[in-house]
Amino acid sequence: MITSSITLDQAKSHLRVMHTIDDAYIAGLIPTAHRLIADEIDRELTEDICLTPTGELSESLRHAALLVIGDLYQNREAQQTEQLHMNHALERLLNKYRKMGV
């Protein structure tokens, strides 16, 4: 699994969080987002298709992870008053990497 494609500071910047109260929670969302993406595309994020030539997570998957982190941070309760749908940008970012099969 990818270890440091997104730093805590990058995640907090994406979330527009300036305080430190949620730092441990946000830090825990980073590997969770990576796992959710790997499960969604049915690939490990260490596969060549997911990496740049220098071995970094592709920019598309980094942005997808940030979107997942944002969703997990904003919607952390099990009960919601409205129905949540998958982010269309997230779907498009992941489509290229999905393992398709029969």
N, C-alpha and C. Protein backbone atom coordinates (compact mmCIF):
# COMPACT_ATOMS: atom_id res chain seq x y z
N MET A 1 0.85 -1.19 0.00
CA MET A 1 0.00 0.00 0.00
C MET A 1 0.89 1.24 0.00
N ILE A 2 0.41 2.30 -0.58
CA ILE A 2 1.13 3.56 -0.65
C ILE A 2 1.27 4.13 0.76
N THR A 3 2.44 4.64 1.09
CA THR A 3 2.64 5.12 2.45
C THR A 3 2.54 6.64 2.59
N SER A 4 2.95 7.41 1.61
CA SER A 4 3.00 8.86 1.85
C SER A 4 2.62 9.69 0.63
N SER A 5 1.59 9.27 -0.08
CA SER A 5 1.21 10.04 -1.26
C SER A 5 0.53 11.35 -0.89
N ILE A 6 -0.09 11.40 0.28
CA ILE A 6 -0.76 12.60 0.76
C ILE A 6 -0.32 12.84 2.19
N THR A 7 0.15 14.04 2.46
CA THR A 7 0.56 14.38 3.82
C THR A 7 -0.64 14.91 4.60
N LEU A 8 -0.48 14.96 5.91
CA LEU A 8 -1.52 15.53 6.76
C LEU A 8 -1.80 16.98 6.36
N ASP A 9 -0.74 17.74 6.11
CA ASP A 9 -0.92 19.15 5.71
C ASP A 9 -1.68 19.28 4.40
N GLN A 10 -1.41 18.41 3.44
CA GLN A 10 -2.14 18.45 2.17
C GLN A 10 -3.61 18.10 2.38
N ALA A 11 -3.88 17.10 3.20
CA ALA A 11 -5.27 16.73 3.48
C ALA A 11 -5.99 17.86 4.19
N LYS A 12 -5.34 18.48 5.18
CA LYS A 12 -5.97 19.59 5.90
C LYS A 12 -6.20 20.78 4.98
N SER A 13 -5.29 21.04 4.09
CA SER A 13 -5.47 22.13 3.13
C SER A 13 -6.68 21.85 2.24
N HIS A 14 -6.79 20.62 1.77
CA HIS A 14 -7.94 20.25 0.94
C HIS A 14 -9.25 20.41 1.71
N LEU A 15 -9.22 20.05 2.99
CA LEU A 15 -10.41 20.15 3.84
C LEU A 15 -10.66 21.56 4.36
N ARG A 16 -9.68 22.42 4.17
CA ARG A 16 -9.72 23.80 4.71
C ARG A 16 -9.84 23.79 6.23
N VAL A 17 -9.07 22.89 6.85
CA VAL A 17 -9.03 22.78 8.31
C VAL A 17 -7.76 23.45 8.78
N MET A 18 -7.91 24.41 9.68
CA MET A 18 -6.75 25.15 10.18
C MET A 18 -6.38 24.75 11.61
N HIS A 19 -7.27 24.10 12.34
CA HIS A 19 -7.00 23.72 13.72
C HIS A 19 -6.31 22.36 13.76
N THR A 20 -5.86 21.98 14.94
CA THR A 20 -5.16 20.70 15.10
C THR A 20 -6.00 19.65 15.83
N ILE A 21 -7.21 20.02 16.21
CA ILE A 21 -8.06 19.13 17.00
C ILE A 21 -8.30 17.80 16.29
N ASP A 22 -8.50 17.83 14.98
CA ASP A 22 -8.83 16.62 14.22
C ASP A 22 -7.62 15.99 13.52
N ASP A 23 -6.41 16.40 13.85
CA ASP A 23 -5.23 15.91 13.13
C ASP A 23 -5.13 14.38 13.12
N ALA A 24 -5.32 13.75 14.27
CA ALA A 24 -5.20 12.29 14.32
C ALA A 24 -6.29 11.64 13.47
N TYR A 25 -7.49 12.19 13.53
CA TYR A 25 -8.60 11.65 12.74
C TYR A 25 -8.31 11.79 11.25
N ILE A 26 -7.87 12.98 10.84
CA ILE A 26 -7.58 13.23 9.42
C ILE A 26 -6.43 12.34 8.96
N ALA A 27 -5.40 12.19 9.78
CA ALA A 27 -4.27 11.32 9.42
C ALA A 27 -4.75 9.89 9.20
N GLY A 28 -5.72 9.45 9.98
CA GLY A 28 -6.27 8.11 9.81
C GLY A 28 -7.11 7.95 8.55
N LEU A 29 -7.64 9.06 8.05
CA LEU A 29 -8.44 9.00 6.83
C LEU A 29 -7.60 8.75 5.59
N ILE A 30 -6.32 9.11 5.63
CA ILE A 30 -5.46 8.97 4.44
C ILE A 30 -5.32 7.50 4.02
N PRO A 31 -4.86 6.60 4.91
CA PRO A 31 -4.79 5.20 4.48
C PRO A 31 -6.16 4.58 4.23
N THR A 32 -7.17 5.07 4.93
CA THR A 32 -8.53 4.59 4.70
C THR A 32 -8.98 4.93 3.29
N ALA A 33 -8.71 6.16 2.86
CA ALA A 33 -9.06 6.58 1.49
C ALA A 33 -8.32 5.73 0.47
N HIS A 34 -7.05 5.46 0.71
CA HIS A 34 -6.28 4.61 -0.21
C HIS A 34 -6.91 3.22 -0.30
N ARG A 35 -7.30 2.65 0.84
CA ARG A 35 -7.90 1.31 0.84
C ARG A 35 -9.24 1.32 0.12
N LEU A 36 -10.06 2.34 0.36
CA LEU A 36 -11.36 2.43 -0.31
C LEU A 36 -11.19 2.53 -1.82
N ILE A 37 -10.21 3.30 -2.26
CA ILE A 37 -9.97 3.44 -3.70
C ILE A 37 -9.48 2.12 -4.28
N ALA A 38 -8.55 1.47 -3.60
CA ALA A 38 -8.06 0.18 -4.08
C ALA A 38 -9.20 -0.83 -4.19
N ASP A 39 -10.08 -0.84 -3.21
CA ASP A 39 -11.24 -1.74 -3.26
C ASP A 39 -12.17 -1.37 -4.41
N GLU A 40 -12.39 -0.08 -4.62
CA GLU A 40 -13.31 0.38 -5.66
C GLU A 40 -12.81 0.03 -7.06
N ILE A 41 -11.50 0.14 -7.29
CA ILE A 41 -10.96 -0.14 -8.62
C ILE A 41 -10.49 -1.59 -8.76
N ASP A 42 -10.57 -2.35 -7.66
CA ASP A 42 -10.17 -3.75 -7.64
C ASP A 42 -8.71 -3.93 -8.04
N ARG A 43 -7.87 -3.02 -7.56
CA ARG A 43 -6.42 -3.08 -7.80
C ARG A 43 -5.70 -2.58 -6.55
N GLU A 44 -4.51 -3.08 -6.35
CA GLU A 44 -3.66 -2.49 -5.32
C GLU A 44 -3.05 -1.22 -5.90
N LEU A 45 -2.90 -0.21 -5.07
CA LEU A 45 -2.37 1.07 -5.56
C LEU A 45 -0.88 1.01 -5.86
N THR A 46 -0.27 -0.12 -5.60
CA THR A 46 1.14 -0.31 -5.94
C THR A 46 1.33 -0.89 -7.34
N GLU A 47 0.22 -1.23 -8.03
CA GLU A 47 0.34 -1.74 -9.39
C GLU A 47 0.83 -0.63 -10.31
N ASP A 48 1.58 -1.03 -11.34
CA ASP A 48 2.20 -0.06 -12.25
C ASP A 48 1.22 0.93 -12.84
N ILE A 49 0.01 0.48 -13.17
CA ILE A 49 -0.97 1.37 -13.80
C ILE A 49 -1.34 2.54 -12.87
N CYS A 50 -1.19 2.37 -11.57
CA CYS A 50 -1.57 3.39 -10.59
C CYS A 50 -0.44 4.35 -10.26
N LEU A 51 0.75 4.06 -10.76
CA LEU A 51 1.93 4.83 -10.38
C LEU A 51 2.51 5.61 -11.55
N THR A 52 3.19 6.70 -11.22
CA THR A 52 3.93 7.45 -12.23
C THR A 52 5.24 6.71 -12.49
N PRO A 53 5.99 7.10 -13.53
CA PRO A 53 7.28 6.45 -13.78
C PRO A 53 8.26 6.55 -12.61
N THR A 54 8.08 7.55 -11.74
CA THR A 54 8.96 7.69 -10.57
C THR A 54 8.45 6.93 -9.35
N GLY A 55 7.34 6.19 -9.50
CA GLY A 55 6.83 5.38 -8.41
C GLY A 55 5.85 6.08 -7.49
N GLU A 56 5.46 7.29 -7.82
CA GLU A 56 4.47 8.02 -7.01
C GLU A 56 3.07 7.64 -7.46
N LEU A 57 2.10 7.81 -6.57
CA LEU A 57 0.71 7.59 -6.93
C LEU A 57 0.32 8.60 -8.00
N SER A 58 -0.40 8.15 -9.02
CA SER A 58 -0.78 9.05 -10.12
C SER A 58 -1.56 10.24 -9.58
N GLU A 59 -1.46 11.35 -10.28
CA GLU A 59 -2.14 12.58 -9.86
C GLU A 59 -3.65 12.37 -9.78
N SER A 60 -4.21 11.62 -10.72
CA SER A 60 -5.65 11.34 -10.70
C SER A 60 -6.05 10.61 -9.43
N LEU A 61 -5.27 9.62 -9.04
CA LEU A 61 -5.60 8.86 -7.83
C LEU A 61 -5.34 9.67 -6.57
N ARG A 62 -4.35 10.56 -6.59
CA ARG A 62 -4.14 11.47 -5.45
C ARG A 62 -5.36 12.35 -5.26
N HIS A 63 -5.87 12.92 -6.37
CA HIS A 63 -7.06 13.77 -6.27
C HIS A 63 -8.27 12.95 -5.84
N ALA A 64 -8.38 11.74 -6.33
CA ALA A 64 -9.48 10.87 -5.91
C ALA A 64 -9.40 10.61 -4.40
N ALA A 65 -8.20 10.37 -3.90
CA ALA A 65 -8.03 10.14 -2.46
C ALA A 65 -8.43 11.37 -1.66
N LEU A 66 -8.08 12.55 -2.15
CA LEU A 66 -8.49 13.78 -1.46
C LEU A 66 -10.00 13.93 -1.44
N LEU A 67 -10.67 13.58 -2.54
CA LEU A 67 -12.13 13.63 -2.57
C LEU A 67 -12.74 12.66 -1.56
N VAL A 68 -12.17 11.47 -1.46
CA VAL A 68 -12.66 10.48 -0.50
C VAL A 68 -12.43 10.98 0.92
N ILE A 69 -11.25 11.54 1.18
CA ILE A 69 -10.96 12.09 2.51
C ILE A 69 -11.97 13.17 2.86
N GLY A 70 -12.26 14.04 1.90
CA GLY A 70 -13.25 15.09 2.14
C GLY A 70 -14.62 14.52 2.45
N ASP A 71 -15.02 13.50 1.72
CA ASP A 71 -16.32 12.87 1.94
C ASP A 71 -16.36 12.21 3.32
N LEU A 72 -15.31 11.48 3.67
CA LEU A 72 -15.28 10.81 4.97
C LEU A 72 -15.28 11.82 6.12
N TYR A 73 -14.59 12.92 5.94
CA TYR A 73 -14.51 13.95 6.98
C TYR A 73 -15.85 14.65 7.17
N GLN A 74 -16.50 14.99 6.07
CA GLN A 74 -17.76 15.73 6.14
C GLN A 74 -18.95 14.85 6.53
N ASN A 75 -18.89 13.58 6.21
CA ASN A 75 -20.02 12.67 6.43
C ASN A 75 -19.62 11.53 7.35
N ARG A 76 -19.16 11.88 8.54
CA ARG A 76 -18.64 10.85 9.44
C ARG A 76 -19.70 10.13 10.26
N GLU A 77 -20.90 10.60 10.24
CA GLU A 77 -21.97 9.95 11.01
C GLU A 77 -22.68 8.90 10.15
N ALA A 78 -23.17 7.87 10.80
CA ALA A 78 -23.87 6.81 10.08
C ALA A 78 -25.24 7.27 9.58
N GLN A 79 -25.86 8.17 10.30
CA GLN A 79 -27.19 8.65 9.93
C GLN A 79 -27.09 9.97 9.19
N GLN A 80 -27.74 10.06 8.06
CA GLN A 80 -27.78 11.29 7.27
C GLN A 80 -29.23 11.62 6.99
N THR A 81 -29.53 12.90 6.89
CA THR A 81 -30.90 13.30 6.57
C THR A 81 -31.16 13.24 5.07
N GLU A 82 -30.10 13.24 4.28
CA GLU A 82 -30.26 13.16 2.83
C GLU A 82 -29.49 11.96 2.30
N GLN A 83 -29.87 11.51 1.12
CA GLN A 83 -29.18 10.38 0.50
C GLN A 83 -27.89 10.88 -0.13
N LEU A 84 -26.80 10.17 0.11
CA LEU A 84 -25.50 10.54 -0.44
C LEU A 84 -25.25 9.73 -1.71
N HIS A 85 -24.69 10.37 -2.71
CA HIS A 85 -24.37 9.72 -3.97
C HIS A 85 -22.88 9.83 -4.21
N MET A 86 -22.34 8.91 -5.01
CA MET A 86 -20.93 8.96 -5.33
C MET A 86 -20.64 10.21 -6.16
N ASN A 87 -19.58 10.86 -5.82
CA ASN A 87 -19.14 12.07 -6.51
C ASN A 87 -18.80 11.72 -7.97
N HIS A 88 -19.39 12.45 -8.91
CA HIS A 88 -19.15 12.18 -10.33
C HIS A 88 -17.68 12.39 -10.71
N ALA A 89 -17.04 13.39 -10.14
CA ALA A 89 -15.62 13.61 -10.42
C ALA A 89 -14.81 12.41 -9.94
N LEU A 90 -15.15 11.89 -8.78
CA LEU A 90 -14.45 10.72 -8.25
C LEU A 90 -14.63 9.52 -9.19
N GLU A 91 -15.84 9.30 -9.65
CA GLU A 91 -16.09 8.20 -10.59
C GLU A 91 -15.22 8.34 -11.83
N ARG A 92 -15.16 9.53 -12.38
CA ARG A 92 -14.36 9.76 -13.60
C ARG A 92 -12.87 9.57 -13.34
N LEU A 93 -12.40 10.01 -12.18
CA LEU A 93 -10.99 9.84 -11.85
C LEU A 93 -10.63 8.36 -11.72
N LEU A 94 -11.55 7.56 -11.23
CA LEU A 94 -11.27 6.14 -10.99
C LEU A 94 -11.50 5.25 -12.20
N ASN A 95 -12.35 5.66 -13.13
CA ASN A 95 -12.72 4.79 -14.26
C ASN A 95 -11.53 4.23 -15.02
N LYS A 96 -10.53 5.04 -15.27
CA LYS A 96 -9.35 4.61 -16.02
C LYS A 96 -8.63 3.45 -15.34
N TYR A 97 -8.74 3.37 -14.02
CA TYR A 97 -7.98 2.39 -13.25
C TYR A 97 -8.77 1.15 -12.87
N ARG A 98 -10.07 1.17 -13.12
CA ARG A 98 -10.91 0.03 -12.72
C ARG A 98 -10.50 -1.24 -13.46
N LYS A 99 -10.41 -2.32 -12.72
CA LYS A 99 -10.15 -3.62 -13.33
C LYS A 99 -11.49 -4.16 -13.79
N MET A 100 -11.63 -4.34 -15.08
CA MET A 100 -12.88 -4.83 -15.64
C MET A 100 -12.72 -6.30 -16.00
N GLY A 101 -13.70 -7.07 -15.71
CA GLY A 101 -13.63 -8.49 -16.03
C GLY A 101 -15.01 -9.11 -16.00
N VAL A 102 -15.04 -10.35 -16.36
CA VAL A 102 -16.30 -11.08 -16.34
C VAL A 102 -16.30 -12.14 -15.28
